[in-house]
Structure formats: structure tokens, C-alpha cells
C-alpha atoms as a PDB file:
ATOM      1  CA  UNK A   1      25.153  73.335  22.983  1.00  0.00           C
ATOM      2  CA  UNK A   2      27.563  71.197  25.011  1.00  0.00           C
ATOM      3  CA  UNK A   3      29.072  68.752  22.538  1.00  0.00           C
ATOM      4  CA  UNK A   4      31.095  66.559  24.925  1.00  0.00           C
ATOM      5  CA  UNK A   5      31.224  65.411  28.521  1.00  0.00           C
ATOM      6  CA  UNK A   6      33.551  62.825  30.032  1.00  0.00           C
ATOM      7  CA  UNK A   7      33.848  60.400  32.916  1.00  0.00           C
ATOM      8  CA  UNK A   8      36.837  58.377  34.136  1.00  0.00           C
ATOM      9  CA  UNK A   9      35.635  54.773  34.314  1.00  0.00           C
ATOM     10  CA  UNK A  10      38.912  52.889  34.965  1.00  0.00           C
ATOM     11  CA  UNK A  11      42.501  53.941  35.722  1.00  0.00           C
ATOM     12  CA  UNK A  12      43.276  53.872  31.994  1.00  0.00           C
ATOM     13  CA  UNK A  13      39.925  54.692  30.370  1.00  0.00           C
ATOM     14  CA  UNK A  14      37.819  57.824  30.022  1.00  0.00           C
ATOM     15  CA  UNK A  15      34.349  57.579  28.518  1.00  0.00           C
ATOM     16  CA  UNK A  16      33.533  60.590  26.315  1.00  0.00           C
ATOM     17  CA  UNK A  17      29.853  61.193  25.560  1.00  0.00           C
ATOM     18  CA  UNK A  18      29.094  63.015  22.322  1.00  0.00           C
ATOM     19  CA  UNK A  19      25.887  64.935  21.641  1.00  0.00           C
ATOM     20  CA  UNK A  20      23.357  62.304  20.605  1.00  0.00           C
ATOM     21  CA  UNK A  21      24.469  60.057  23.500  1.00  0.00           C
ATOM     22  CA  UNK A  22      27.082  57.996  21.707  1.00  0.00           C
ATOM     23  CA  UNK A  23      30.233  57.032  23.605  1.00  0.00           C
ATOM     24  CA  UNK A  24      33.878  57.242  22.591  1.00  0.00           C
ATOM     25  CA  UNK A  25      36.596  55.794  24.833  1.00  0.00           C
ATOM     26  CA  UNK A  26      40.021  57.326  25.440  1.00  0.00           C
ATOM     27  CA  UNK A  27      42.465  54.680  26.697  1.00  0.00           C
ATOM     28  CA  UNK A  28      45.823  55.934  28.029  1.00  0.00           C
ATOM     29  CA  UNK A  29      48.984  53.942  28.588  1.00  0.00           C
ATOM     30  CA  UNK A  30      52.299  55.186  29.928  1.00  0.00           C
ATOM     31  CA  UNK A  31      53.546  56.179  26.477  1.00  0.00           C
ATOM     32  CA  UNK A  32      50.572  56.840  24.216  1.00  0.00           C
ATOM     33  CA  UNK A  33      46.778  56.806  24.012  1.00  0.00           C
ATOM     34  CA  UNK A  34      44.076  55.351  21.783  1.00  0.00           C
ATOM     35  CA  UNK A  35      40.728  56.954  21.033  1.00  0.00           C
ATOM     36  CA  UNK A  36      38.111  54.329  20.254  1.00  0.00           C
ATOM     37  CA  UNK A  37      35.499  55.845  17.909  1.00  0.00           C
ATOM     38  CA  UNK A  38      34.943  59.503  17.062  1.00  0.00           C
ATOM     39  CA  UNK A  39      31.208  60.049  17.554  1.00  0.00           C
ATOM     40  CA  UNK A  40      28.959  62.004  15.221  1.00  0.00           C
ATOM     41  CA  UNK A  41      31.443  64.734  14.334  1.00  0.00           C
ATOM     42  CA  UNK A  42      29.435  67.396  16.185  1.00  0.00           C
ATOM     43  CA  UNK A  43      31.893  69.742  17.889  1.00  0.00           C
ATOM     44  CA  UNK A  44      35.675  69.415  17.805  1.00  0.00           C
ATOM     45  CA  UNK A  45      36.582  66.077  19.351  1.00  0.00           C
ATOM     46  CA  UNK A  46      40.306  66.501  18.736  1.00  0.00           C
ATOM     47  CA  UNK A  47      40.424  69.712  20.752  1.00  0.00           C
ATOM     48  CA  UNK A  48      38.410  68.064  23.508  1.00  0.00           C
ATOM     49  CA  UNK A  49      40.700  65.010  23.661  1.00  0.00           C
ATOM     50  CA  UNK A  50      43.719  67.300  23.937  1.00  0.00           C
ATOM     51  CA  UNK A  51      42.252  68.690  27.179  1.00  0.00           C
ATOM     52  CA  UNK A  52      42.247  65.134  28.578  1.00  0.00           C
ATOM     53  CA  UNK A  53      45.697  63.866  27.534  1.00  0.00           C
ATOM     54  CA  UNK A  54      48.990  65.225  26.227  1.00  0.00           C
ATOM     55  CA  UNK A  55      50.067  61.817  24.896  1.00  0.00           C
ATOM     56  CA  UNK A  56      50.128  61.002  21.159  1.00  0.00           C
ATOM     57  CA  UNK A  57      46.744  59.569  20.130  1.00  0.00           C
ATOM     58  CA  UNK A  58      45.883  56.873  17.599  1.00  0.00           C
ATOM     59  CA  UNK A  59      42.236  56.401  16.570  1.00  0.00           C
ATOM     60  CA  UNK A  60      40.579  52.976  16.349  1.00  0.00           C
ATOM     61  CA  UNK A  61      37.120  52.897  14.742  1.00  0.00           C
ATOM     62  CA  UNK A  62      34.864  50.008  15.691  1.00  0.00           C
ATOM     63  CA  UNK A  63      32.961  50.419  12.408  1.00  0.00           C
ATOM     64  CA  UNK A  64      32.059  52.879   9.691  1.00  0.00           C
ATOM     65  CA  UNK A  65      28.636  54.190  10.730  1.00  0.00           C
ATOM     66  CA  UNK A  66      28.046  57.928  11.027  1.00  0.00           C
ATOM     67  CA  UNK A  67      27.741  57.981  14.837  1.00  0.00           C
ATOM     68  CA  UNK A  68      31.098  56.241  15.311  1.00  0.00           C
ATOM     69  CA  UNK A  69      33.292  57.487  12.454  1.00  0.00           C
ATOM     70  CA  UNK A  70      31.818  60.990  12.216  1.00  0.00           C
ATOM     71  CA  UNK A  71      34.762  62.877  13.722  1.00  0.00           C
ATOM     72  CA  UNK A  72      37.529  60.923  11.991  1.00  0.00           C
ATOM     73  CA  UNK A  73      38.509  63.767   9.669  1.00  0.00           C
ATOM     74  CA  UNK A  74      40.062  65.614  12.614  1.00  0.00           C
ATOM     75  CA  UNK A  75      42.719  62.923  13.115  1.00  0.00           C
ATOM     76  CA  UNK A  76      45.599  61.747  10.939  1.00  0.00           C
ATOM     77  CA  UNK A  77      46.171  58.151  12.078  1.00  0.00           C
ATOM     78  CA  UNK A  78      42.826  56.330  11.948  1.00  0.00           C
ATOM     79  CA  UNK A  79      42.394  52.548  11.837  1.00  0.00           C
ATOM     80  CA  UNK A  80      39.227  50.874  10.516  1.00  0.00           C
ATOM     81  CA  UNK A  81      38.367  47.360   9.351  1.00  0.00           C
ATOM     82  CA  UNK A  82      38.907  47.293   5.595  1.00  0.00           C
ATOM     83  CA  UNK A  83      35.444  45.856   4.949  1.00  0.00           C
ATOM     84  CA  UNK A  84      33.985  49.153   6.246  1.00  0.00           C
ATOM     85  CA  UNK A  85      36.127  51.598   4.271  1.00  0.00           C
ATOM     86  CA  UNK A  86      33.523  52.081   1.548  1.00  0.00           C
ATOM     87  CA  UNK A  87      30.714  52.193   4.105  1.00  0.00           C
ATOM     88  CA  UNK A  88      32.475  54.965   6.039  1.00  0.00           C
ATOM     89  CA  UNK A  89      32.878  57.093   2.921  1.00  0.00           C
ATOM     90  CA  UNK A  90      29.080  57.268   2.696  1.00  0.00           C
ATOM     91  CA  UNK A  91      27.846  56.933   6.276  1.00  0.00           C
ATOM     92  CA  UNK A  92      30.389  59.286   7.840  1.00  0.00           C
ATOM     93  CA  UNK A  93      29.577  62.003   5.307  1.00  0.00           C
ATOM     94  CA  UNK A  94      28.253  65.322   6.593  1.00  0.00           C
ATOM     95  CA  UNK A  95      24.729  65.007   5.203  1.00  0.00           C
ATOM     96  CA  UNK A  96      24.104  61.563   6.693  1.00  0.00           C
ATOM     97  CA  UNK A  97      25.492  62.694  10.046  1.00  0.00           C
ATOM     98  CA  UNK A  98      23.174  65.703  10.023  1.00  0.00           C
ATOM     99  CA  UNK A  99      20.194  63.487   9.173  1.00  0.00           C
ATOM    100  CA  UNK A 100      21.087  61.143  12.016  1.00  0.00           C
ATOM    101  CA  UNK A 101      21.417  63.989  14.529  1.00  0.00           C
ATOM    102  CA  UNK A 102      18.110  65.469  13.375  1.00  0.00           C
ATOM    103  CA  UNK A 103      16.496  62.123  14.115  1.00  0.00           C
ATOM    104  CA  UNK A 104      18.012  61.617  17.585  1.00  0.00           C
ATOM    105  CA  UNK A 105      17.977  65.251  18.762  1.00  0.00           C
ATOM    106  CA  UNK A 106      14.719  66.487  17.259  1.00  0.00           C
ATOM    107  CA  UNK A 107      14.305  70.260  17.519  1.00  0.00           C
ATOM    108  CA  UNK A 108      17.623  70.628  19.344  1.00  0.00           C
ATOM    109  CA  UNK A 109      19.389  69.710  16.102  1.00  0.00           C
ATOM    110  CA  UNK A 110      18.512  73.211  14.882  1.00  0.00           C
ATOM    111  CA  UNK A 111      21.384  74.512  17.003  1.00  0.00           C
ATOM    112  CA  UNK A 112      23.884  72.633  14.842  1.00  0.00           C
ATOM    113  CA  UNK A 113      25.508  74.362  11.889  1.00  0.00           C
ATOM    114  CA  UNK A 114      28.009  73.203   9.296  1.00  0.00           C
ATOM    115  CA  UNK A 115      30.602  75.309  11.122  1.00  0.00           C
ATOM    116  CA  UNK A 116      30.364  73.210  14.282  1.00  0.00           C
ATOM    117  CA  UNK A 117      30.258  69.903  12.409  1.00  0.00           C
ATOM    118  CA  UNK A 118      33.406  67.990  11.465  1.00  0.00           C
ATOM    119  CA  UNK A 119      34.049  68.067   7.696  1.00  0.00           C
ATOM    120  CA  UNK A 120      34.111  64.899   5.605  1.00  0.00           C
ATOM    121  CA  UNK A 121      37.266  62.824   5.801  1.00  0.00           C
ATOM    122  CA  UNK A 122      39.245  63.037   2.542  1.00  0.00           C
ATOM    123  CA  UNK A 123      42.238  60.850   3.424  1.00  0.00           C
ATOM    124  CA  UNK A 124      42.054  57.088   3.750  1.00  0.00           C
ATOM    125  CA  UNK A 125      42.174  54.738   6.691  1.00  0.00           C
ATOM    126  CA  UNK A 126      44.754  52.307   8.027  1.00  0.00           C
ATOM    127  CA  UNK A 127      43.684  48.638   8.124  1.00  0.00           C
ATOM    128  CA  UNK A 128      42.406  47.247  11.418  1.00  0.00           C
ATOM    129  CA  UNK A 129      42.607  43.459  11.441  1.00  0.00           C
ATOM    130  CA  UNK A 130      41.622  40.701  13.848  1.00  0.00           C
ATOM    131  CA  UNK A 131      44.390  40.131  16.397  1.00  0.00           C
ATOM    132  CA  UNK A 132      46.146  43.423  15.667  1.00  0.00           C
ATOM    133  CA  UNK A 133      47.615  44.921  18.842  1.00  0.00           C
ATOM    134  CA  UNK A 134      48.322  48.444  20.019  1.00  0.00           C
ATOM    135  CA  UNK A 135      50.849  48.675  22.892  1.00  0.00           C
ATOM    136  CA  UNK A 136      50.294  51.948  24.736  1.00  0.00           C
ATOM    137  CA  UNK A 137      52.793  51.351  27.561  1.00  0.00           C
ATOM    138  CA  UNK A 138      51.451  49.095  30.314  1.00  0.00           C
ATOM    139  CA  UNK A 139      48.191  48.764  28.418  1.00  0.00           C
ATOM    140  CA  UNK A 140      47.707  46.652  25.288  1.00  0.00           C
ATOM    141  CA  UNK A 141      44.629  46.897  23.095  1.00  0.00           C
ATOM    142  CA  UNK A 142      43.717  44.093  20.713  1.00  0.00           C
ATOM    143  CA  UNK A 143      41.318  44.235  17.761  1.00  0.00           C
ATOM    144  CA  UNK A 144      38.706  41.467  17.672  1.00  0.00           C
ATOM    145  CA  UNK A 145      36.811  41.193  14.383  1.00  0.00           C
ATOM    146  CA  UNK A 146      33.079  40.604  14.931  1.00  0.00           C
ATOM    147  CA  UNK A 147      31.397  41.050  11.525  1.00  0.00           C
ATOM    148  CA  UNK A 148      27.623  41.252  11.779  1.00  0.00           C
ATOM    149  CA  UNK A 149      26.291  44.722  12.520  1.00  0.00           C
ATOM    150  CA  UNK A 150      28.663  45.748   9.722  1.00  0.00           C
ATOM    151  CA  UNK A 151      31.158  43.647   7.804  1.00  0.00           C
ATOM    152  CA  UNK A 152      34.107  45.523   9.328  1.00  0.00           C
ATOM    153  CA  UNK A 153      32.748  45.606  12.884  1.00  0.00           C
ATOM    154  CA  UNK A 154      35.578  45.330  15.426  1.00  0.00           C
ATOM    155  CA  UNK A 155      35.543  44.975  19.200  1.00  0.00           C
ATOM    156  CA  UNK A 156      38.481  46.264  21.238  1.00  0.00           C
ATOM    157  CA  UNK A 157      39.960  44.143  24.022  1.00  0.00           C
ATOM    158  CA  UNK A 158      41.963  45.743  26.860  1.00  0.00           C
ATOM    159  CA  UNK A 159      44.198  42.836  27.852  1.00  0.00           C
ATOM    160  CA  UNK A 160      45.512  44.187  31.159  1.00  0.00           C
ATOM    161  CA  UNK A 161      42.188  45.468  32.469  1.00  0.00           C
ATOM    162  CA  UNK A 162      40.348  42.391  31.136  1.00  0.00           C
ATOM    163  CA  UNK A 163      37.643  44.461  29.490  1.00  0.00           C
ATOM    164  CA  UNK A 164      36.198  44.543  25.992  1.00  0.00           C
ATOM    165  CA  UNK A 165      34.219  47.138  24.067  1.00  0.00           C
ATOM    166  CA  UNK A 166      31.390  45.271  22.362  1.00  0.00           C
ATOM    167  CA  UNK A 167      29.960  48.583  21.173  1.00  0.00           C
ATOM    168  CA  UNK A 168      27.332  47.895  18.500  1.00  0.00           C
ATOM    169  CA  UNK A 169      28.600  44.371  17.834  1.00  0.00           C
ATOM    170  CA  UNK A 170      26.549  42.733  20.603  1.00  0.00           C
ATOM    171  CA  UNK A 171      24.230  44.837  22.746  1.00  0.00           C
ATOM    172  CA  UNK A 172      20.663  45.005  24.125  1.00  0.00           C
ATOM    173  CA  UNK A 173      19.328  45.987  20.673  1.00  0.00           C
ATOM    174  CA  UNK A 174      21.643  44.793  17.888  1.00  0.00           C
ATOM    175  CA  UNK A 175      20.842  46.312  14.483  1.00  0.00           C
ATOM    176  CA  UNK A 176      21.242  43.534  11.909  1.00  0.00           C
ATOM    177  CA  UNK A 177      19.246  44.740   8.943  1.00  0.00           C
ATOM    178  CA  UNK A 178      21.241  47.152   6.752  1.00  0.00           C
ATOM    179  CA  UNK A 179      22.785  46.192   3.431  1.00  0.00           C
ATOM    180  CA  UNK A 180      26.126  46.221   5.261  1.00  0.00           C
ATOM    181  CA  UNK A 181      24.921  43.702   7.872  1.00  0.00           C
ATOM    182  CA  UNK A 182      25.431  39.947   7.908  1.00  0.00           C
ATOM    183  CA  UNK A 183      22.577  37.449   7.884  1.00  0.00           C
ATOM    184  CA  UNK A 184      21.386  36.215  11.274  1.00  0.00           C
ATOM    185  CA  UNK A 185      22.905  32.811  10.493  1.00  0.00           C
ATOM    186  CA  UNK A 186      26.332  34.252   9.708  1.00  0.00           C
ATOM    187  CA  UNK A 187      26.171  36.575  12.714  1.00  0.00           C
ATOM    188  CA  UNK A 188      25.531  33.618  15.032  1.00  0.00           C
ATOM    189  CA  UNK A 189      28.700  31.939  13.774  1.00  0.00           C
ATOM    190  CA  UNK A 190      30.613  35.159  14.450  1.00  0.00           C
ATOM    191  CA  UNK A 191      29.299  35.285  18.019  1.00  0.00           C
ATOM    192  CA  UNK A 192      30.224  31.645  18.553  1.00  0.00           C
ATOM    193  CA  UNK A 193      33.804  32.557  17.623  1.00  0.00           C
ATOM    194  CA  UNK A 194      33.687  35.511  20.039  1.00  0.00           C
ATOM    195  CA  UNK A 195      32.432  33.148  22.753  1.00  0.00           C
ATOM    196  CA  UNK A 196      35.662  31.177  22.475  1.00  0.00           C
ATOM    197  CA  UNK A 197      37.563  34.287  23.653  1.00  0.00           C
ATOM    198  CA  UNK A 198      35.296  34.891  26.644  1.00  0.00           C
ATOM    199  CA  UNK A 199      37.992  33.887  29.139  1.00  0.00           C
ATOM    200  CA  UNK A 200      39.994  36.993  28.169  1.00  0.00           C
ATOM    201  CA  UNK A 201      37.596  39.566  29.650  1.00  0.00           C
ATOM    202  CA  UNK A 202      35.385  40.177  32.667  1.00  0.00           C
ATOM    203  CA  UNK A 203      33.808  43.540  31.804  1.00  0.00           C
ATOM    204  CA  UNK A 204      31.824  44.491  28.694  1.00  0.00           C
ATOM    205  CA  UNK A 205      31.401  48.094  27.547  1.00  0.00           C
ATOM    206  CA  UNK A 206      28.800  49.412  25.102  1.00  0.00           C
ATOM    207  CA  UNK A 207      28.591  52.479  22.865  1.00  0.00           C
ATOM    208  CA  UNK A 208      25.039  53.611  23.601  1.00  0.00           C
ATOM    209  CA  UNK A 209      22.640  53.938  26.543  1.00  0.00           C
ATOM    210  CA  UNK A 210      24.469  51.914  29.224  1.00  0.00           C
ATOM    211  CA  UNK A 211      28.221  52.117  29.747  1.00  0.00           C
ATOM    212  CA  UNK A 212      28.551  48.453  30.671  1.00  0.00           C
ATOM    213  CA  UNK A 213      26.511  45.258  30.647  1.00  0.00           C
ATOM    214  CA  UNK A 214      26.866  41.764  32.061  1.00  0.00           C
ATOM    215  CA  UNK A 215      28.997  39.530  29.846  1.00  0.00           C
ATOM    216  CA  UNK A 216      26.124  37.033  29.667  1.00  0.00           C
ATOM    217  CA  UNK A 217      24.638  39.292  26.985  1.00  0.00           C
ATOM    218  CA  UNK A 218      26.700  37.309  24.479  1.00  0.00           C
ATOM    219  CA  UNK A 219      24.785  34.135  25.374  1.00  0.00           C
ATOM    220  CA  UNK A 220      21.506  36.064  25.282  1.00  0.00           C
ATOM    221  CA  UNK A 221      22.041  37.405  21.782  1.00  0.00           C
ATOM    222  CA  UNK A 222      23.222  34.006  20.524  1.00  0.00           C
ATOM    223  CA  UNK A 223      19.999  32.450  21.811  1.00  0.00           C
ATOM    224  CA  UNK A 224      17.949  35.171  20.098  1.00  0.00           C
ATOM    225  CA  UNK A 225      19.712  34.320  16.815  1.00  0.00           C
ATOM    226  CA  UNK A 226      18.695  30.679  17.220  1.00  0.00           C
ATOM    227  CA  UNK A 227      15.083  31.644  17.957  1.00  0.00           C
ATOM    228  CA  UNK A 228      14.909  33.842  14.852  1.00  0.00           C
ATOM    229  CA  UNK A 229      16.314  31.043  12.688  1.00  0.00           C
ATOM    230  CA  UNK A 230      13.795  28.584  14.142  1.00  0.00           C
ATOM    231  CA  UNK A 231      10.882  31.009  13.675  1.00  0.00           C
ATOM    232  CA  UNK A 232      10.315  31.048  17.446  1.00  0.00           C
ATOM    233  CA  UNK A 233      10.976  34.749  18.163  1.00  0.00           C
ATOM    234  CA  UNK A 234       8.270  37.349  18.853  1.00  0.00           C
ATOM    235  CA  UNK A 235       8.772  39.046  15.451  1.00  0.00           C
ATOM    236  CA  UNK A 236       7.508  42.472  16.561  1.00  0.00           C
ATOM    237  CA  UNK A 237       7.144  45.064  13.730  1.00  0.00           C
ATOM    238  CA  UNK A 238       9.879  47.721  14.050  1.00  0.00           C
ATOM    239  CA  UNK A 239      10.583  51.021  12.273  1.00  0.00           C
ATOM    240  CA  UNK A 240      13.765  53.107  12.376  1.00  0.00           C
ATOM    241  CA  UNK A 241      14.029  56.494  10.671  1.00  0.00           C
ATOM    242  CA  UNK A 242      12.718  55.815   7.126  1.00  0.00           C
ATOM    243  CA  UNK A 243      13.305  52.057   7.225  1.00  0.00           C
ATOM    244  CA  UNK A 244      10.210  49.868   7.299  1.00  0.00           C
ATOM    245  CA  UNK A 245       9.489  46.140   7.310  1.00  0.00           C
ATOM    246  CA  UNK A 246      11.948  45.339  10.093  1.00  0.00           C
ATOM    247  CA  UNK A 247      11.332  42.974  13.007  1.00  0.00           C
ATOM    248  CA  UNK A 248      12.329  43.140  16.672  1.00  0.00           C
ATOM    249  CA  UNK A 249      13.040  39.604  17.810  1.00  0.00           C
ATOM    250  CA  UNK A 250      11.880  39.890  21.424  1.00  0.00           C
ATOM    251  CA  UNK A 251       8.995  41.997  22.741  1.00  0.00           C
ATOM    252  CA  UNK A 252      10.034  44.840  25.076  1.00  0.00           C
ATOM    253  CA  UNK A 253       8.426  46.840  27.867  1.00  0.00           C
ATOM    254  CA  UNK A 254      10.745  49.794  27.189  1.00  0.00           C
ATOM    255  CA  UNK A 255      13.789  50.333  24.942  1.00  0.00           C
ATOM    256  CA  UNK A 256      16.409  47.698  25.748  1.00  0.00           C
ATOM    257  CA  UNK A 257      14.190  45.947  28.324  1.00  0.00           C
ATOM    258  CA  UNK A 258      12.821  42.605  27.178  1.00  0.00           C
ATOM    259  CA  UNK A 259       9.343  41.635  28.360  1.00  0.00           C
ATOM    260  CA  UNK A 260      10.623  38.182  29.332  1.00  0.00           C
ATOM    261  CA  UNK A 261      13.457  39.636  31.421  1.00  0.00           C
ATOM    262  CA  UNK A 262      16.159  38.277  29.115  1.00  0.00           C
ATOM    263  CA  UNK A 263      19.281  40.149  28.038  1.00  0.00           C
ATOM    264  CA  UNK A 264      19.994  40.937  24.397  1.00  0.00           C
ATOM    265  CA  UNK A 265      17.783  41.600  21.375  1.00  0.00           C
ATOM    266  CA  UNK A 266      18.045  41.920  17.603  1.00  0.00           C
ATOM    267  CA  UNK A 267      16.370  44.121  15.002  1.00  0.00           C
ATOM    268  CA  UNK A 268      16.530  42.165  11.756  1.00  0.00           C
ATOM    269  CA  UNK A 269      15.366  42.024   8.159  1.00  0.00           C
ATOM    270  CA  UNK A 270      13.065  38.994   7.778  1.00  0.00           C
ATOM    271  CA  UNK A 271      14.381  38.551   4.224  1.00  0.00           C
ATOM    272  CA  UNK A 272      17.961  38.142   5.463  1.00  0.00           C
ATOM    273  CA  UNK A 273      17.852  35.496   8.163  1.00  0.00           C
ATOM    274  CA  UNK A 274      19.868  32.848   6.338  1.00  0.00           C
ATOM    275  CA  UNK A 275      22.942  33.287   4.179  1.00  0.00           C
ATOM    276  CA  UNK A 276      22.570  32.784   0.450  1.00  0.00           C
ATOM    277  CA  UNK A 277      23.248  29.181  -0.495  1.00  0.00           C
END
């Protein structure tokens, strides 16, 4: 099984695709590099990264889910939003990662063994806070807190290249239903704050399916939030793995493609639309 492939997408950035089709991003400056997310932990990501750069590497995790923090145990210096530290201890564990890969890979997951899976991380994380910067030499990355998908969800802004990794924070199919997720109402307020920083970037990158998307997706997802809150969405029944009772806000013709041609969608828990008063 081929665990990783890569593609240079800008002068500073290499997209690394992990088995299960989740993207990590290696950003190199003149002096050092940053690896954004660590995939599912299938294969040895550290060894693979070392074939791409000889610069010292710091790891920035967008959030604590198993398909993003799964390979973190291979690295010493790993930053993660503090609100996701507890989440990562559970979700990035070996058993949950194996369950996730079984779901996305089907029969092909039988080729995976514990020996080619990253072990659980036993050391802690370094705090990743809104506005925190990482100068790499000619390239500066900035953390942008976007709680919603998870409480510690963080986007990464590349100031010089005017790009931002939205990742799972705002995409064509935002998952907003887990216990770690914000209400739709709170998430909308988060996106409104992100909107105020829109002048800082031109290009938006994602962590699944498509590498990039038009920046208008932010407006699309904000409008979907408002429709859900007003009871005007399509409210399509949706199931994911063993989770039932979820709703997809806008009807689709295929995954990620809205029937009305709009951009952005949300899977949500109908019992968690508004924050507790």
C-alpha cells in the first residue's frame, strides 16, 4: 500500500496526501518548515517529510480529530489548540484511527497492520492560539482560531502567499454535530469573525476532496447557518458511520455538490442548532 503521495502547489507549499485521501501541507521558508496536520497515522509521515525537506520542522495541527492528528506521535514539537487537547487524546488513538480507516477504505483497510500505523502520542502538545505566528524565513504562518467543527479548530494563514487553510473549519460539507462541535448559532458568529479577516487572503485550501475552493464558500456556509436557524434549510436525513439522526442542510446531487448550485453545506444535529441560554 502506498501511504503518501505529494504535489508542489506553490513555491513554498507541498500538499501531502495520506491514505484515506486526507491532506497535510508542508510549508517551507528559508530557515525552517511547518507541517500542517499529520493525517491518519498510516505509514511513517516523518520519514516521508524528511525526503521532501532537510529543514527543521514544526507541526501545527488544525484540530484533534483522528484523520488530522493521527501521525503526531512521530514528531516532538506539535502545536494544537488547547480546547482540543482532550479530544486528541481520544480521537487520535490507534483504535479510533483504525475504525476510521476501515470506514473510508473498506476492504483495502485489511492491508493495514499495527506495525505500519503510528503509535499513540504519549507526550503533550504545545498551545496554538489565535494570532500566534510562525516565522519560517520569508514565509510567516499565522494561527486563526475558528471554533465550530471542534472547539480548538484552527485555520492557518500564509501571510506572504495570501492563502489560508480552512481545512475542516469551512468546507463544502462542514461536520457540525459531534459533542466537540459548536452549535450552529455559535458557529455562525465564528464565521462572521473570520469574514472580517477576508482581506488577508485570496486562496482557500481544504483538507479533503478538493485542494482549493473559491473564497466565497465562507459566505455560502454563513448563509446555510442562517437557513438552518430559520428552519428554511432542506433538512435531509444523513448518516455517518454509526451516527444517526443527523441532517444535511442542503440537498445534493453528489457529495459536495448542492442541488441548487450553491457552495457550502453543513451536516448538523437538529438538537444543537442554538446555544444553551
